[in-house]
Amino acid sequence: MLLNLWHAIRFRLLGRCWAQGCGRLAALHSPRRWNRCLDTPLGIALTARGWLRAQGLDSEAADAWCRTNGIDPGAVLQPVPPANVA
């Protein structure tokens, strides 16, 4: 429990914001800005390999399935559209 508290404090003081388009130090956020960044989606995309891994296949089986079906394992399946962070 103390380790979790340490990591939370360390992130809040030294970490960077993960929201798409922000990237500022977390300590420089006002409470309003922090809540806005928490509501902003992350710039994440789902790849073919990631989707197959989420379905329960191991890495080798996922890559073999992609090669068999002519799909690039690193191809993005569902890109997240960029968020408008003002």
N, C-alpha and C. Protein backbone atom coordinates (compact mmCIF):
# COMPACT_ATOMS: atom_id res chain seq x y z
N MET A 1 0.83 -1.18 0.00
CA MET A 1 0.00 0.00 0.00
C MET A 1 0.87 1.25 0.00
N LEU A 2 1.93 1.22 0.76
CA LEU A 2 2.84 2.37 0.77
C LEU A 2 3.54 2.54 -0.57
N LEU A 3 3.80 1.44 -1.24
CA LEU A 3 4.43 1.50 -2.55
C LEU A 3 3.50 2.19 -3.56
N ASN A 4 2.21 1.87 -3.51
CA ASN A 4 1.23 2.52 -4.38
C ASN A 4 1.16 4.01 -4.10
N LEU A 5 1.18 4.38 -2.85
CA LEU A 5 1.16 5.79 -2.48
C LEU A 5 2.41 6.50 -3.00
N TRP A 6 3.55 5.84 -2.88
CA TRP A 6 4.80 6.43 -3.38
C TRP A 6 4.73 6.66 -4.89
N HIS A 7 4.22 5.69 -5.63
CA HIS A 7 4.13 5.83 -7.09
C HIS A 7 3.13 6.92 -7.48
N ALA A 8 2.03 7.04 -6.75
CA ALA A 8 1.04 8.09 -7.04
C ALA A 8 1.64 9.47 -6.82
N ILE A 9 2.36 9.64 -5.74
CA ILE A 9 2.99 10.93 -5.45
C ILE A 9 4.08 11.23 -6.47
N ARG A 10 4.87 10.23 -6.80
CA ARG A 10 5.94 10.42 -7.77
C ARG A 10 5.38 10.81 -9.14
N PHE A 11 4.29 10.15 -9.57
CA PHE A 11 3.68 10.50 -10.84
C PHE A 11 3.13 11.92 -10.81
N ARG A 12 2.47 12.28 -9.73
CA ARG A 12 1.85 13.61 -9.65
C ARG A 12 2.89 14.71 -9.66
N LEU A 13 4.07 14.46 -9.08
CA LEU A 13 5.11 15.49 -9.03
C LEU A 13 6.03 15.47 -10.24
N LEU A 14 6.39 14.30 -10.74
CA LEU A 14 7.41 14.20 -11.79
C LEU A 14 6.89 13.66 -13.11
N GLY A 15 5.69 13.11 -13.13
CA GLY A 15 5.18 12.48 -14.34
C GLY A 15 4.60 13.47 -15.33
N ARG A 16 4.47 13.02 -16.55
CA ARG A 16 3.88 13.82 -17.62
C ARG A 16 2.45 13.36 -17.87
N CYS A 17 1.63 14.28 -18.34
CA CYS A 17 0.23 13.98 -18.65
C CYS A 17 0.18 13.05 -19.86
N TRP A 18 -0.69 12.04 -19.80
CA TRP A 18 -0.79 11.06 -20.88
C TRP A 18 -1.86 11.42 -21.88
N ALA A 19 -2.63 12.47 -21.64
CA ALA A 19 -3.71 12.83 -22.56
C ALA A 19 -3.14 13.24 -23.91
N GLN A 20 -3.86 12.90 -24.95
CA GLN A 20 -3.40 13.19 -26.30
C GLN A 20 -3.38 14.70 -26.51
N GLY A 21 -2.21 15.21 -26.88
CA GLY A 21 -2.06 16.63 -27.16
C GLY A 21 -1.64 17.47 -25.98
N CYS A 22 -1.43 16.89 -24.80
CA CYS A 22 -1.06 17.69 -23.63
C CYS A 22 0.43 17.55 -23.35
N GLY A 23 0.85 16.51 -22.64
CA GLY A 23 2.25 16.25 -22.39
C GLY A 23 2.91 17.12 -21.35
N ARG A 24 2.15 17.98 -20.65
CA ARG A 24 2.75 18.83 -19.63
C ARG A 24 3.03 18.01 -18.37
N LEU A 25 3.85 18.58 -17.49
CA LEU A 25 4.07 17.95 -16.20
C LEU A 25 2.75 17.89 -15.44
N ALA A 26 2.50 16.80 -14.77
CA ALA A 26 1.24 16.64 -14.04
C ALA A 26 1.12 17.66 -12.91
N ALA A 27 2.23 18.06 -12.33
CA ALA A 27 2.20 19.01 -11.22
C ALA A 27 1.78 20.40 -11.68
N LEU A 28 1.90 20.72 -12.96
CA LEU A 28 1.56 22.04 -13.47
C LEU A 28 0.09 22.17 -13.87
N HIS A 29 -0.68 21.12 -13.72
CA HIS A 29 -2.09 21.17 -14.06
C HIS A 29 -2.89 21.79 -12.92
N SER A 30 -3.82 22.67 -13.28
CA SER A 30 -4.80 23.12 -12.30
C SER A 30 -5.82 22.00 -12.12
N PRO A 31 -6.61 22.02 -11.06
CA PRO A 31 -7.60 20.95 -10.89
C PRO A 31 -8.57 20.85 -12.07
N ARG A 32 -8.96 21.99 -12.64
CA ARG A 32 -9.87 21.97 -13.79
C ARG A 32 -9.19 21.34 -15.01
N ARG A 33 -7.94 21.72 -15.25
CA ARG A 33 -7.20 21.16 -16.39
C ARG A 33 -6.95 19.66 -16.18
N TRP A 34 -6.64 19.25 -14.97
CA TRP A 34 -6.40 17.85 -14.67
C TRP A 34 -7.64 17.02 -14.98
N ASN A 35 -8.83 17.51 -14.57
CA ASN A 35 -10.07 16.79 -14.86
C ASN A 35 -10.34 16.76 -16.36
N ARG A 36 -10.01 17.83 -17.06
CA ARG A 36 -10.21 17.85 -18.51
C ARG A 36 -9.30 16.83 -19.19
N CYS A 37 -8.05 16.75 -18.74
CA CYS A 37 -7.13 15.77 -19.32
C CYS A 37 -7.55 14.34 -19.00
N LEU A 38 -8.12 14.11 -17.82
CA LEU A 38 -8.59 12.77 -17.48
C LEU A 38 -9.74 12.34 -18.37
N ASP A 39 -10.52 13.30 -18.89
CA ASP A 39 -11.64 12.98 -19.77
C ASP A 39 -11.22 12.88 -21.24
N THR A 40 -9.96 13.18 -21.55
CA THR A 40 -9.47 13.15 -22.93
C THR A 40 -8.97 11.74 -23.24
N PRO A 41 -9.34 11.19 -24.40
CA PRO A 41 -8.87 9.83 -24.73
C PRO A 41 -7.37 9.81 -24.99
N LEU A 42 -6.78 8.68 -24.73
CA LEU A 42 -5.37 8.49 -25.01
C LEU A 42 -5.19 8.16 -26.49
N GLY A 43 -4.03 8.48 -27.03
CA GLY A 43 -3.75 8.19 -28.43
C GLY A 43 -3.34 6.73 -28.60
N ILE A 44 -4.31 5.84 -28.56
CA ILE A 44 -4.05 4.40 -28.61
C ILE A 44 -4.67 3.83 -29.88
N ALA A 45 -4.01 2.89 -30.49
CA ALA A 45 -4.56 2.18 -31.63
C ALA A 45 -4.44 0.68 -31.39
N LEU A 46 -5.42 -0.06 -31.84
CA LEU A 46 -5.43 -1.51 -31.67
C LEU A 46 -4.83 -2.16 -32.90
N THR A 47 -3.80 -2.97 -32.71
CA THR A 47 -3.17 -3.68 -33.83
C THR A 47 -3.75 -5.08 -33.95
N ALA A 48 -3.47 -5.70 -35.09
CA ALA A 48 -3.96 -7.07 -35.31
C ALA A 48 -3.38 -8.02 -34.26
N ARG A 49 -2.09 -7.87 -33.95
CA ARG A 49 -1.46 -8.73 -32.94
C ARG A 49 -2.09 -8.50 -31.57
N GLY A 50 -2.33 -7.24 -31.22
CA GLY A 50 -2.94 -6.93 -29.93
C GLY A 50 -4.35 -7.49 -29.80
N TRP A 51 -5.13 -7.41 -30.89
CA TRP A 51 -6.48 -7.94 -30.85
C TRP A 51 -6.46 -9.46 -30.68
N LEU A 52 -5.58 -10.12 -31.40
CA LEU A 52 -5.50 -11.58 -31.27
C LEU A 52 -4.98 -11.99 -29.90
N ARG A 53 -4.05 -11.23 -29.34
CA ARG A 53 -3.58 -11.53 -27.98
C ARG A 53 -4.70 -11.36 -26.97
N ALA A 54 -5.55 -10.35 -27.17
CA ALA A 54 -6.69 -10.15 -26.27
C ALA A 54 -7.70 -11.28 -26.39
N GLN A 55 -7.74 -11.95 -27.55
CA GLN A 55 -8.64 -13.08 -27.74
C GLN A 55 -8.10 -14.37 -27.13
N GLY A 56 -6.85 -14.34 -26.66
CA GLY A 56 -6.30 -15.50 -25.96
C GLY A 56 -5.21 -16.24 -26.70
N LEU A 57 -4.82 -15.81 -27.89
CA LEU A 57 -3.73 -16.47 -28.61
C LEU A 57 -2.39 -15.99 -28.10
N ASP A 58 -1.41 -16.87 -28.10
CA ASP A 58 -0.06 -16.44 -27.73
C ASP A 58 0.59 -15.73 -28.92
N SER A 59 1.75 -15.15 -28.71
CA SER A 59 2.40 -14.33 -29.74
C SER A 59 2.70 -15.10 -31.02
N GLU A 60 3.25 -16.31 -30.88
CA GLU A 60 3.60 -17.08 -32.06
C GLU A 60 2.36 -17.47 -32.86
N ALA A 61 1.31 -17.88 -32.18
CA ALA A 61 0.08 -18.26 -32.88
C ALA A 61 -0.56 -17.06 -33.56
N ALA A 62 -0.51 -15.91 -32.91
CA ALA A 62 -1.08 -14.70 -33.51
C ALA A 62 -0.32 -14.30 -34.76
N ASP A 63 1.01 -14.34 -34.69
CA ASP A 63 1.82 -14.00 -35.86
C ASP A 63 1.60 -15.00 -36.99
N ALA A 64 1.50 -16.29 -36.66
CA ALA A 64 1.26 -17.31 -37.68
C ALA A 64 -0.10 -17.11 -38.32
N TRP A 65 -1.12 -16.78 -37.53
CA TRP A 65 -2.45 -16.54 -38.08
C TRP A 65 -2.44 -15.34 -39.02
N CYS A 66 -1.73 -14.29 -38.64
CA CYS A 66 -1.64 -13.10 -39.49
C CYS A 66 -0.93 -13.41 -40.81
N ARG A 67 0.18 -14.15 -40.73
CA ARG A 67 0.91 -14.50 -41.95
C ARG A 67 0.05 -15.38 -42.87
N THR A 68 -0.69 -16.32 -42.28
CA THR A 68 -1.54 -17.22 -43.06
C THR A 68 -2.62 -16.44 -43.81
N ASN A 69 -3.18 -15.41 -43.16
CA ASN A 69 -4.26 -14.64 -43.75
C ASN A 69 -3.79 -13.38 -44.48
N GLY A 70 -2.47 -13.20 -44.59
CA GLY A 70 -1.93 -12.07 -45.33
C GLY A 70 -2.13 -10.72 -44.66
N ILE A 71 -2.11 -10.71 -43.33
CA ILE A 71 -2.30 -9.47 -42.57
C ILE A 71 -1.00 -9.12 -41.87
N ASP A 72 -0.64 -7.85 -41.92
CA ASP A 72 0.54 -7.38 -41.19
C ASP A 72 0.19 -7.36 -39.70
N PRO A 73 0.96 -8.07 -38.83
CA PRO A 73 0.63 -8.10 -37.40
C PRO A 73 0.64 -6.72 -36.74
N GLY A 74 1.40 -5.79 -37.30
CA GLY A 74 1.45 -4.45 -36.73
C GLY A 74 0.47 -3.48 -37.33
N ALA A 75 -0.39 -3.97 -38.23
CA ALA A 75 -1.36 -3.10 -38.88
C ALA A 75 -2.40 -2.62 -37.87
N VAL A 76 -2.74 -1.34 -37.95
CA VAL A 76 -3.71 -0.75 -37.03
C VAL A 76 -5.11 -1.12 -37.49
N LEU A 77 -5.89 -1.69 -36.58
CA LEU A 77 -7.25 -2.10 -36.91
C LEU A 77 -8.27 -1.02 -36.61
N GLN A 78 -8.16 -0.42 -35.44
CA GLN A 78 -9.13 0.59 -35.02
C GLN A 78 -8.38 1.81 -34.51
N PRO A 79 -8.02 2.74 -35.41
CA PRO A 79 -7.32 3.92 -34.91
C PRO A 79 -8.27 4.83 -34.14
N VAL A 80 -7.76 5.45 -33.10
CA VAL A 80 -8.53 6.40 -32.33
C VAL A 80 -8.37 7.76 -33.01
N PRO A 81 -9.47 8.44 -33.32
CA PRO A 81 -9.32 9.75 -33.95
C PRO A 81 -8.67 10.75 -32.98
N PRO A 82 -7.91 11.70 -33.50
CA PRO A 82 -7.27 12.67 -32.62
C PRO A 82 -8.29 13.49 -31.85
N ALA A 83 -7.98 13.74 -30.61
CA ALA A 83 -8.88 14.53 -29.76
C ALA A 83 -8.53 16.00 -29.87
N ASN A 84 -9.51 16.83 -29.68
CA ASN A 84 -9.29 18.26 -29.70
C ASN A 84 -9.06 18.71 -28.26
N VAL A 85 -7.82 18.88 -27.90
CA VAL A 85 -7.46 19.29 -26.54
C VAL A 85 -7.08 20.76 -26.60
N ALA A 86 -7.91 21.57 -26.00
CA ALA A 86 -7.64 23.02 -26.02
C ALA A 86 -7.23 23.50 -24.67
